[in-house]
Amino acid sequence: MTAPVPSPSQRHYWQKNLRLTAWLLLVWFLVTFGVAFFARELSFRFFGWPFSFWVGAQGAMVVYVALIGLYAHCMAKLDEAHSLNED
């Protein structure tokens, strides 16, 4: 039994989904490892706290929630563009 061949629209949808996921994972990686790794060298105060503390305790979580919201928004637009949205 052979698998069904995806249509060009389905292929385009999947490529856009993968591209969006890759960009968001890159941002996640940079926030998790990049900024947190170099935060101690960025010794300045941010909202009254040392920047390294703010990144570790608050900043990363805010970025993660923003990434989830951005993914949901972009996928809703992509679903609508491909007539896959749910009412």
PDB file of N, CA and C in Angstrom:
ATOM      1  N   MET A   1       0.843  -1.172   0.000  1.00  0.00           N
ATOM      2  CA  MET A   1       0.000   0.000   0.000  1.00  0.00           C
ATOM      3  C   MET A   1       0.892   1.239   0.000  1.00  0.00           C
ATOM      4  N   THR A   2       0.593   2.195  -0.860  1.00  0.00           N
ATOM      5  CA  THR A   2       1.417   3.399  -0.972  1.00  0.00           C
ATOM      6  C   THR A   2       0.768   4.554  -0.224  1.00  0.00           C
ATOM      7  N   ALA A   3       1.605   5.438   0.238  1.00  0.00           N
ATOM      8  CA  ALA A   3       1.123   6.621   0.949  1.00  0.00           C
ATOM      9  C   ALA A   3       0.566   7.625  -0.060  1.00  0.00           C
ATOM     10  N   PRO A   4      -0.452   8.389   0.338  1.00  0.00           N
ATOM     11  CA  PRO A   4      -0.990   9.386  -0.585  1.00  0.00           C
ATOM     12  C   PRO A   4       0.033  10.500  -0.845  1.00  0.00           C
ATOM     13  N   VAL A   5       0.048  10.995  -2.061  1.00  0.00           N
ATOM     14  CA  VAL A   5       0.971  12.056  -2.451  1.00  0.00           C
ATOM     15  C   VAL A   5       0.378  13.399  -2.017  1.00  0.00           C
ATOM     16  N   PRO A   6       1.135  14.199  -1.252  1.00  0.00           N
ATOM     17  CA  PRO A   6       0.589  15.487  -0.807  1.00  0.00           C
ATOM     18  C   PRO A   6       0.462  16.466  -1.976  1.00  0.00           C
ATOM     19  N   SER A   7      -0.547  17.290  -1.898  1.00  0.00           N
ATOM     20  CA  SER A   7      -0.765  18.297  -2.942  1.00  0.00           C
ATOM     21  C   SER A   7       0.257  19.426  -2.770  1.00  0.00           C
ATOM     22  N   PRO A   8       0.437  20.266  -3.792  1.00  0.00           N
ATOM     23  CA  PRO A   8       1.361  21.407  -3.653  1.00  0.00           C
ATOM     24  C   PRO A   8       0.960  22.341  -2.503  1.00  0.00           C
ATOM     25  N   SER A   9      -0.322  22.498  -2.276  1.00  0.00           N
ATOM     26  CA  SER A   9      -0.790  23.343  -1.174  1.00  0.00           C
ATOM     27  C   SER A   9      -0.393  22.742   0.174  1.00  0.00           C
ATOM     28  N   GLN A  10      -0.537  21.430   0.309  1.00  0.00           N
ATOM     29  CA  GLN A  10      -0.143  20.772   1.548  1.00  0.00           C
ATOM     30  C   GLN A  10       1.367  20.856   1.761  1.00  0.00           C
ATOM     31  N   ARG A  11       2.117  20.709   0.677  1.00  0.00           N
ATOM     32  CA  ARG A  11       3.574  20.816   0.771  1.00  0.00           C
ATOM     33  C   ARG A  11       3.994  22.223   1.198  1.00  0.00           C
ATOM     34  N   HIS A  12       3.344  23.231   0.611  1.00  0.00           N
ATOM     35  CA  HIS A  12       3.638  24.626   0.956  1.00  0.00           C
ATOM     36  C   HIS A  12       3.293  24.896   2.422  1.00  0.00           C
ATOM     37  N   TYR A  13       2.150  24.399   2.865  1.00  0.00           N
ATOM     38  CA  TYR A  13       1.728  24.549   4.258  1.00  0.00           C
ATOM     39  C   TYR A  13       2.760  23.923   5.193  1.00  0.00           C
ATOM     40  N   TRP A  14       3.211  22.728   4.887  1.00  0.00           N
ATOM     41  CA  TRP A  14       4.163  22.033   5.741  1.00  0.00           C
ATOM     42  C   TRP A  14       5.517  22.745   5.757  1.00  0.00           C
ATOM     43  N   GLN A  15       5.966  23.253   4.605  1.00  0.00           N
ATOM     44  CA  GLN A  15       7.237  23.969   4.542  1.00  0.00           C
ATOM     45  C   GLN A  15       7.182  25.247   5.371  1.00  0.00           C
ATOM     46  N   LYS A  16       6.058  25.979   5.281  1.00  0.00           N
ATOM     47  CA  LYS A  16       5.905  27.200   6.081  1.00  0.00           C
ATOM     48  C   LYS A  16       5.881  26.853   7.567  1.00  0.00           C
ATOM     49  N   ASN A  17       5.214  25.770   7.926  1.00  0.00           N
ATOM     50  CA  ASN A  17       5.147  25.336   9.320  1.00  0.00           C
ATOM     51  C   ASN A  17       6.543  24.992   9.833  1.00  0.00           C
ATOM     52  N   LEU A  18       7.315  24.248   9.059  1.00  0.00           N
ATOM     53  CA  LEU A  18       8.671  23.883   9.462  1.00  0.00           C
ATOM     54  C   LEU A  18       9.583  25.103   9.572  1.00  0.00           C
ATOM     55  N   ARG A  19       9.442  26.040   8.640  1.00  0.00           N
ATOM     56  CA  ARG A  19      10.258  27.249   8.673  1.00  0.00           C
ATOM     57  C   ARG A  19       9.947  28.076   9.921  1.00  0.00           C
ATOM     58  N   LEU A  20       8.663  28.237  10.233  1.00  0.00           N
ATOM     59  CA  LEU A  20       8.267  28.965  11.434  1.00  0.00           C
ATOM     60  C   LEU A  20       8.795  28.270  12.687  1.00  0.00           C
ATOM     61  N   THR A  21       8.653  26.963  12.745  1.00  0.00           N
ATOM     62  CA  THR A  21       9.127  26.201  13.903  1.00  0.00           C
ATOM     63  C   THR A  21      10.642  26.339  14.052  1.00  0.00           C
ATOM     64  N   ALA A  22      11.372  26.306  12.952  1.00  0.00           N
ATOM     65  CA  ALA A  22      12.830  26.446  13.009  1.00  0.00           C
ATOM     66  C   ALA A  22      13.237  27.815  13.542  1.00  0.00           C
ATOM     67  N   TRP A  23      12.581  28.881  13.081  1.00  0.00           N
ATOM     68  CA  TRP A  23      12.903  30.230  13.566  1.00  0.00           C
ATOM     69  C   TRP A  23      12.585  30.371  15.048  1.00  0.00           C
ATOM     70  N   LEU A  24      11.454  29.837  15.469  1.00  0.00           N
ATOM     71  CA  LEU A  24      11.091  29.947  16.882  1.00  0.00           C
ATOM     72  C   LEU A  24      12.031  29.111  17.755  1.00  0.00           C
ATOM     73  N   LEU A  25      12.464  27.958  17.267  1.00  0.00           N
ATOM     74  CA  LEU A  25      13.438  27.164  18.018  1.00  0.00           C
ATOM     75  C   LEU A  25      14.785  27.866  18.097  1.00  0.00           C
ATOM     76  N   LEU A  26      15.159  28.591  17.058  1.00  0.00           N
ATOM     77  CA  LEU A  26      16.397  29.362  17.088  1.00  0.00           C
ATOM     78  C   LEU A  26      16.321  30.448  18.160  1.00  0.00           C
ATOM     79  N   VAL A  27      15.200  31.160  18.212  1.00  0.00           N
ATOM     80  CA  VAL A  27      15.011  32.183  19.248  1.00  0.00           C
ATOM     81  C   VAL A  27      15.045  31.532  20.624  1.00  0.00           C
ATOM     82  N   TRP A  28      14.354  30.401  20.782  1.00  0.00           N
ATOM     83  CA  TRP A  28      14.355  29.683  22.058  1.00  0.00           C
ATOM     84  C   TRP A  28      15.791  29.322  22.463  1.00  0.00           C
ATOM     85  N   PHE A  29      16.573  28.793  21.533  1.00  0.00           N
ATOM     86  CA  PHE A  29      17.949  28.405  21.822  1.00  0.00           C
ATOM     87  C   PHE A  29      18.776  29.611  22.241  1.00  0.00           C
ATOM     88  N   LEU A  30      18.649  30.718  21.500  1.00  0.00           N
ATOM     89  CA  LEU A  30      19.430  31.910  21.824  1.00  0.00           C
ATOM     90  C   LEU A  30      19.068  32.453  23.202  1.00  0.00           C
ATOM     91  N   VAL A  31      17.793  32.438  23.541  1.00  0.00           N
ATOM     92  CA  VAL A  31      17.376  32.932  24.854  1.00  0.00           C
ATOM     93  C   VAL A  31      17.843  31.985  25.948  1.00  0.00           C
ATOM     94  N   THR A  32      17.658  30.694  25.739  1.00  0.00           N
ATOM     95  CA  THR A  32      17.990  29.724  26.771  1.00  0.00           C
ATOM     96  C   THR A  32      19.488  29.634  27.018  1.00  0.00           C
ATOM     97  N   PHE A  33      20.273  29.535  25.971  1.00  0.00           N
ATOM     98  CA  PHE A  33      21.694  29.294  26.140  1.00  0.00           C
ATOM     99  C   PHE A  33      22.547  30.530  25.868  1.00  0.00           C
ATOM    100  N   GLY A  34      22.218  31.285  24.855  1.00  0.00           N
ATOM    101  CA  GLY A  34      23.050  32.424  24.483  1.00  0.00           C
ATOM    102  C   GLY A  34      22.993  33.565  25.470  1.00  0.00           C
ATOM    103  N   VAL A  35      21.830  34.122  25.679  1.00  0.00           N
ATOM    104  CA  VAL A  35      21.698  35.275  26.563  1.00  0.00           C
ATOM    105  C   VAL A  35      22.016  34.893  27.999  1.00  0.00           C
ATOM    106  N   ALA A  36      21.515  33.764  28.454  1.00  0.00           N
ATOM    107  CA  ALA A  36      21.776  33.344  29.830  1.00  0.00           C
ATOM    108  C   ALA A  36      23.259  33.076  30.058  1.00  0.00           C
ATOM    109  N   PHE A  37      23.960  32.575  29.066  1.00  0.00           N
ATOM    110  CA  PHE A  37      25.382  32.281  29.203  1.00  0.00           C
ATOM    111  C   PHE A  37      26.200  33.558  29.352  1.00  0.00           C
ATOM    112  N   PHE A  38      25.831  34.591  28.578  1.00  0.00           N
ATOM    113  CA  PHE A  38      26.590  35.837  28.588  1.00  0.00           C
ATOM    114  C   PHE A  38      26.008  36.893  29.523  1.00  0.00           C
ATOM    115  N   ALA A  39      24.986  36.576  30.260  1.00  0.00           N
ATOM    116  CA  ALA A  39      24.315  37.579  31.088  1.00  0.00           C
ATOM    117  C   ALA A  39      25.217  38.124  32.187  1.00  0.00           C
ATOM    118  N   ARG A  40      26.080  37.320  32.751  1.00  0.00           N
ATOM    119  CA  ARG A  40      26.958  37.808  33.832  1.00  0.00           C
ATOM    120  C   ARG A  40      27.911  38.878  33.337  1.00  0.00           C
ATOM    121  N   GLU A  41      28.340  38.788  32.097  1.00  0.00           N
ATOM    122  CA  GLU A  41      29.232  39.813  31.560  1.00  0.00           C
ATOM    123  C   GLU A  41      28.495  41.113  31.262  1.00  0.00           C
ATOM    124  N   LEU A  42      27.175  41.034  31.127  1.00  0.00           N
ATOM    125  CA  LEU A  42      26.372  42.236  30.917  1.00  0.00           C
ATOM    126  C   LEU A  42      25.969  42.778  32.282  1.00  0.00           C
ATOM    127  N   SER A  43      26.926  43.356  32.979  1.00  0.00           N
ATOM    128  CA  SER A  43      26.689  43.778  34.359  1.00  0.00           C
ATOM    129  C   SER A  43      26.095  45.188  34.397  1.00  0.00           C
ATOM    130  N   PHE A  44      24.788  45.265  34.276  1.00  0.00           N
ATOM    131  CA  PHE A  44      24.072  46.519  34.475  1.00  0.00           C
ATOM    132  C   PHE A  44      22.741  46.191  35.128  1.00  0.00           C
ATOM    133  N   ARG A  45      22.117  47.192  35.675  1.00  0.00           N
ATOM    134  CA  ARG A  45      20.870  46.983  36.394  1.00  0.00           C
ATOM    135  C   ARG A  45      19.692  47.198  35.442  1.00  0.00           C
ATOM    136  N   PHE A  46      18.712  46.330  35.553  1.00  0.00           N
ATOM    137  CA  PHE A  46      17.535  46.358  34.690  1.00  0.00           C
ATOM    138  C   PHE A  46      16.312  46.258  35.585  1.00  0.00           C
ATOM    139  N   PHE A  47      15.495  47.295  35.630  1.00  0.00           N
ATOM    140  CA  PHE A  47      14.336  47.378  36.529  1.00  0.00           C
ATOM    141  C   PHE A  47      14.739  47.143  37.986  1.00  0.00           C
ATOM    142  N   GLY A  48      15.905  47.664  38.375  1.00  0.00           N
ATOM    143  CA  GLY A  48      16.351  47.581  39.759  1.00  0.00           C
ATOM    144  C   GLY A  48      17.071  46.301  40.139  1.00  0.00           C
ATOM    145  N   TRP A  49      17.174  45.348  39.250  1.00  0.00           N
ATOM    146  CA  TRP A  49      17.846  44.075  39.538  1.00  0.00           C
ATOM    147  C   TRP A  49      19.012  43.898  38.577  1.00  0.00           C
ATOM    148  N   PRO A  50      20.004  43.096  38.967  1.00  0.00           N
ATOM    149  CA  PRO A  50      21.076  42.792  38.002  1.00  0.00           C
ATOM    150  C   PRO A  50      20.489  42.089  36.775  1.00  0.00           C
ATOM    151  N   PHE A  51      20.995  42.420  35.612  1.00  0.00           N
ATOM    152  CA  PHE A  51      20.455  41.878  34.361  1.00  0.00           C
ATOM    153  C   PHE A  51      20.509  40.357  34.327  1.00  0.00           C
ATOM    154  N   SER A  52      21.574  39.770  34.851  1.00  0.00           N
ATOM    155  CA  SER A  52      21.679  38.309  34.827  1.00  0.00           C
ATOM    156  C   SER A  52      20.554  37.658  35.627  1.00  0.00           C
ATOM    157  N   PHE A  53      20.186  38.240  36.756  1.00  0.00           N
ATOM    158  CA  PHE A  53      19.076  37.711  37.540  1.00  0.00           C
ATOM    159  C   PHE A  53      17.774  37.848  36.764  1.00  0.00           C
ATOM    160  N   TRP A  54      17.554  39.009  36.144  1.00  0.00           N
ATOM    161  CA  TRP A  54      16.314  39.250  35.424  1.00  0.00           C
ATOM    162  C   TRP A  54      16.152  38.270  34.269  1.00  0.00           C
ATOM    163  N   VAL A  55      17.228  38.026  33.526  1.00  0.00           N
ATOM    164  CA  VAL A  55      17.158  37.091  32.403  1.00  0.00           C
ATOM    165  C   VAL A  55      16.837  35.692  32.904  1.00  0.00           C
ATOM    166  N   GLY A  56      17.504  35.272  33.962  1.00  0.00           N
ATOM    167  CA  GLY A  56      17.300  33.919  34.472  1.00  0.00           C
ATOM    168  C   GLY A  56      15.941  33.723  35.116  1.00  0.00           C
ATOM    169  N   ALA A  57      15.465  34.720  35.833  1.00  0.00           N
ATOM    170  CA  ALA A  57      14.244  34.547  36.614  1.00  0.00           C
ATOM    171  C   ALA A  57      12.983  34.977  35.876  1.00  0.00           C
ATOM    172  N   GLN A  58      13.075  36.008  35.074  1.00  0.00           N
ATOM    173  CA  GLN A  58      11.864  36.559  34.478  1.00  0.00           C
ATOM    174  C   GLN A  58      11.897  36.629  32.954  1.00  0.00           C
ATOM    175  N   GLY A  59      12.970  37.118  32.422  1.00  0.00           N
ATOM    176  CA  GLY A  59      13.040  37.396  30.997  1.00  0.00           C
ATOM    177  C   GLY A  59      12.825  36.194  30.104  1.00  0.00           C
ATOM    178  N   ALA A  60      13.442  35.086  30.453  1.00  0.00           N
ATOM    179  CA  ALA A  60      13.316  33.896  29.616  1.00  0.00           C
ATOM    180  C   ALA A  60      11.875  33.405  29.581  1.00  0.00           C
ATOM    181  N   MET A  61      11.204  33.421  30.721  1.00  0.00           N
ATOM    182  CA  MET A  61       9.813  32.951  30.748  1.00  0.00           C
ATOM    183  C   MET A  61       8.894  33.851  29.933  1.00  0.00           C
ATOM    184  N   VAL A  62       9.151  35.146  29.974  1.00  0.00           N
ATOM    185  CA  VAL A  62       8.351  36.073  29.175  1.00  0.00           C
ATOM    186  C   VAL A  62       8.545  35.786  27.695  1.00  0.00           C
ATOM    187  N   VAL A  63       9.779  35.528  27.298  1.00  0.00           N
ATOM    188  CA  VAL A  63      10.056  35.209  25.891  1.00  0.00           C
ATOM    189  C   VAL A  63       9.391  33.899  25.499  1.00  0.00           C
ATOM    190  N   TYR A  64       9.421  32.898  26.372  1.00  0.00           N
ATOM    191  CA  TYR A  64       8.796  31.610  26.053  1.00  0.00           C
ATOM    192  C   TYR A  64       7.291  31.758  25.847  1.00  0.00           C
ATOM    193  N   VAL A  65       6.640  32.530  26.701  1.00  0.00           N
ATOM    194  CA  VAL A  65       5.200  32.758  26.551  1.00  0.00           C
ATOM    195  C   VAL A  65       4.926  33.533  25.263  1.00  0.00           C
ATOM    196  N   ALA A  66       5.773  34.508  24.962  1.00  0.00           N
ATOM    197  CA  ALA A  66       5.616  35.261  23.714  1.00  0.00           C
ATOM    198  C   ALA A  66       5.806  34.351  22.504  1.00  0.00           C
ATOM    199  N   LEU A  67       6.743  33.411  22.570  1.00  0.00           N
ATOM    200  CA  LEU A  67       6.946  32.473  21.458  1.00  0.00           C
ATOM    201  C   LEU A  67       5.711  31.608  21.241  1.00  0.00           C
ATOM    202  N   ILE A  68       5.088  31.164  22.329  1.00  0.00           N
ATOM    203  CA  ILE A  68       3.873  30.358  22.205  1.00  0.00           C
ATOM    204  C   ILE A  68       2.765  31.173  21.555  1.00  0.00           C
ATOM    205  N   GLY A  69       2.593  32.408  22.010  1.00  0.00           N
ATOM    206  CA  GLY A  69       1.576  33.280  21.422  1.00  0.00           C
ATOM    207  C   GLY A  69       1.840  33.571  19.956  1.00  0.00           C
ATOM    208  N   LEU A  70       3.090  33.826  19.623  1.00  0.00           N
ATOM    209  CA  LEU A  70       3.453  34.098  18.233  1.00  0.00           C
ATOM    210  C   LEU A  70       3.202  32.878  17.352  1.00  0.00           C
ATOM    211  N   TYR A  71       3.550  31.690  17.853  1.00  0.00           N
ATOM    212  CA  TYR A  71       3.312  30.474  17.091  1.00  0.00           C
ATOM    213  C   TYR A  71       1.815  30.267  16.850  1.00  0.00           C
ATOM    214  N   ALA A  72       1.016  30.453  17.880  1.00  0.00           N
ATOM    215  CA  ALA A  72      -0.434  30.276  17.736  1.00  0.00           C
ATOM    216  C   ALA A  72      -1.001  31.280  16.735  1.00  0.00           C
ATOM    217  N   HIS A  73      -0.551  32.520  16.805  1.00  0.00           N
ATOM    218  CA  HIS A  73      -1.037  33.553  15.884  1.00  0.00           C
ATOM    219  C   HIS A  73      -0.635  33.240  14.437  1.00  0.00           C
ATOM    220  N   CYS A  74       0.629  32.908  14.235  1.00  0.00           N
ATOM    221  CA  CYS A  74       1.111  32.624  12.876  1.00  0.00           C
ATOM    222  C   CYS A  74       0.454  31.377  12.295  1.00  0.00           C
ATOM    223  N   MET A  75       0.247  30.360  13.119  1.00  0.00           N
ATOM    224  CA  MET A  75      -0.396  29.148  12.625  1.00  0.00           C
ATOM    225  C   MET A  75      -1.870  29.393  12.307  1.00  0.00           C
ATOM    226  N   ALA A  76      -2.533  30.246  13.067  1.00  0.00           N
ATOM    227  CA  ALA A  76      -3.926  30.587  12.755  1.00  0.00           C
ATOM    228  C   ALA A  76      -4.004  31.286  11.405  1.00  0.00           C
ATOM    229  N   LYS A  77      -3.065  32.209  11.145  1.00  0.00           N
ATOM    230  CA  LYS A  77      -3.041  32.879   9.845  1.00  0.00           C
ATOM    231  C   LYS A  77      -2.727  31.902   8.720  1.00  0.00           C
ATOM    232  N   LEU A  78      -1.795  30.983   8.968  1.00  0.00           N
ATOM    233  CA  LEU A  78      -1.436  29.993   7.949  1.00  0.00           C
ATOM    234  C   LEU A  78      -2.597  29.041   7.686  1.00  0.00           C
ATOM    235  N   ASP A  79      -3.283  28.619   8.749  1.00  0.00           N
ATOM    236  CA  ASP A  79      -4.459  27.766   8.576  1.00  0.00           C
ATOM    237  C   ASP A  79      -5.528  28.467   7.775  1.00  0.00           C
ATOM    238  N   GLU A  80      -5.735  29.742   8.051  1.00  0.00           N
ATOM    239  CA  GLU A  80      -6.750  30.509   7.314  1.00  0.00           C
ATOM    240  C   GLU A  80      -6.368  30.667   5.850  1.00  0.00           C
ATOM    241  N   ALA A  81      -5.087  30.875   5.586  1.00  0.00           N
ATOM    242  CA  ALA A  81      -4.624  31.039   4.208  1.00  0.00           C
ATOM    243  C   ALA A  81      -4.797  29.749   3.408  1.00  0.00           C
ATOM    244  N   HIS A  82      -4.747  28.605   4.082  1.00  0.00           N
ATOM    245  CA  HIS A  82      -4.892  27.312   3.406  1.00  0.00           C
ATOM    246  C   HIS A  82      -6.257  26.686   3.639  1.00  0.00           C
ATOM    247  N   SER A  83      -7.185  27.480   4.121  1.00  0.00           N
ATOM    248  CA  SER A  83      -8.567  27.030   4.379  1.00  0.00           C
ATOM    249  C   SER A  83      -8.620  25.827   5.308  1.00  0.00           C
ATOM    250  N   LEU A  84      -7.796  25.840   6.342  1.00  0.00           N
ATOM    251  CA  LEU A  84      -7.775  24.777   7.321  1.00  0.00           C
ATOM    252  C   LEU A  84      -8.231  25.246   8.705  1.00  0.00           C
ATOM    253  N   ASN A  85      -8.699  26.490   8.767  1.00  0.00           N
ATOM    254  CA  ASN A  85      -9.075  27.050  10.069  1.00  0.00           C
ATOM    255  C   ASN A  85     -10.366  26.414  10.589  1.00  0.00           C
ATOM    256  N   GLU A  86     -10.440  26.359  11.930  1.00  0.00           N
ATOM    257  CA  GLU A  86     -11.619  25.809  12.595  1.00  0.00           C
ATOM    258  C   GLU A  86     -12.494  26.968  13.043  1.00  0.00           C
ATOM    259  N   ASP A  87     -13.785  26.804  12.913  1.00  0.00           N
ATOM    260  CA  ASP A  87     -14.700  27.872  13.321  1.00  0.00           C
ATOM    261  C   ASP A  87     -14.997  27.807  14.794  1.00  0.00           C
TER     262      ASP A  87
END
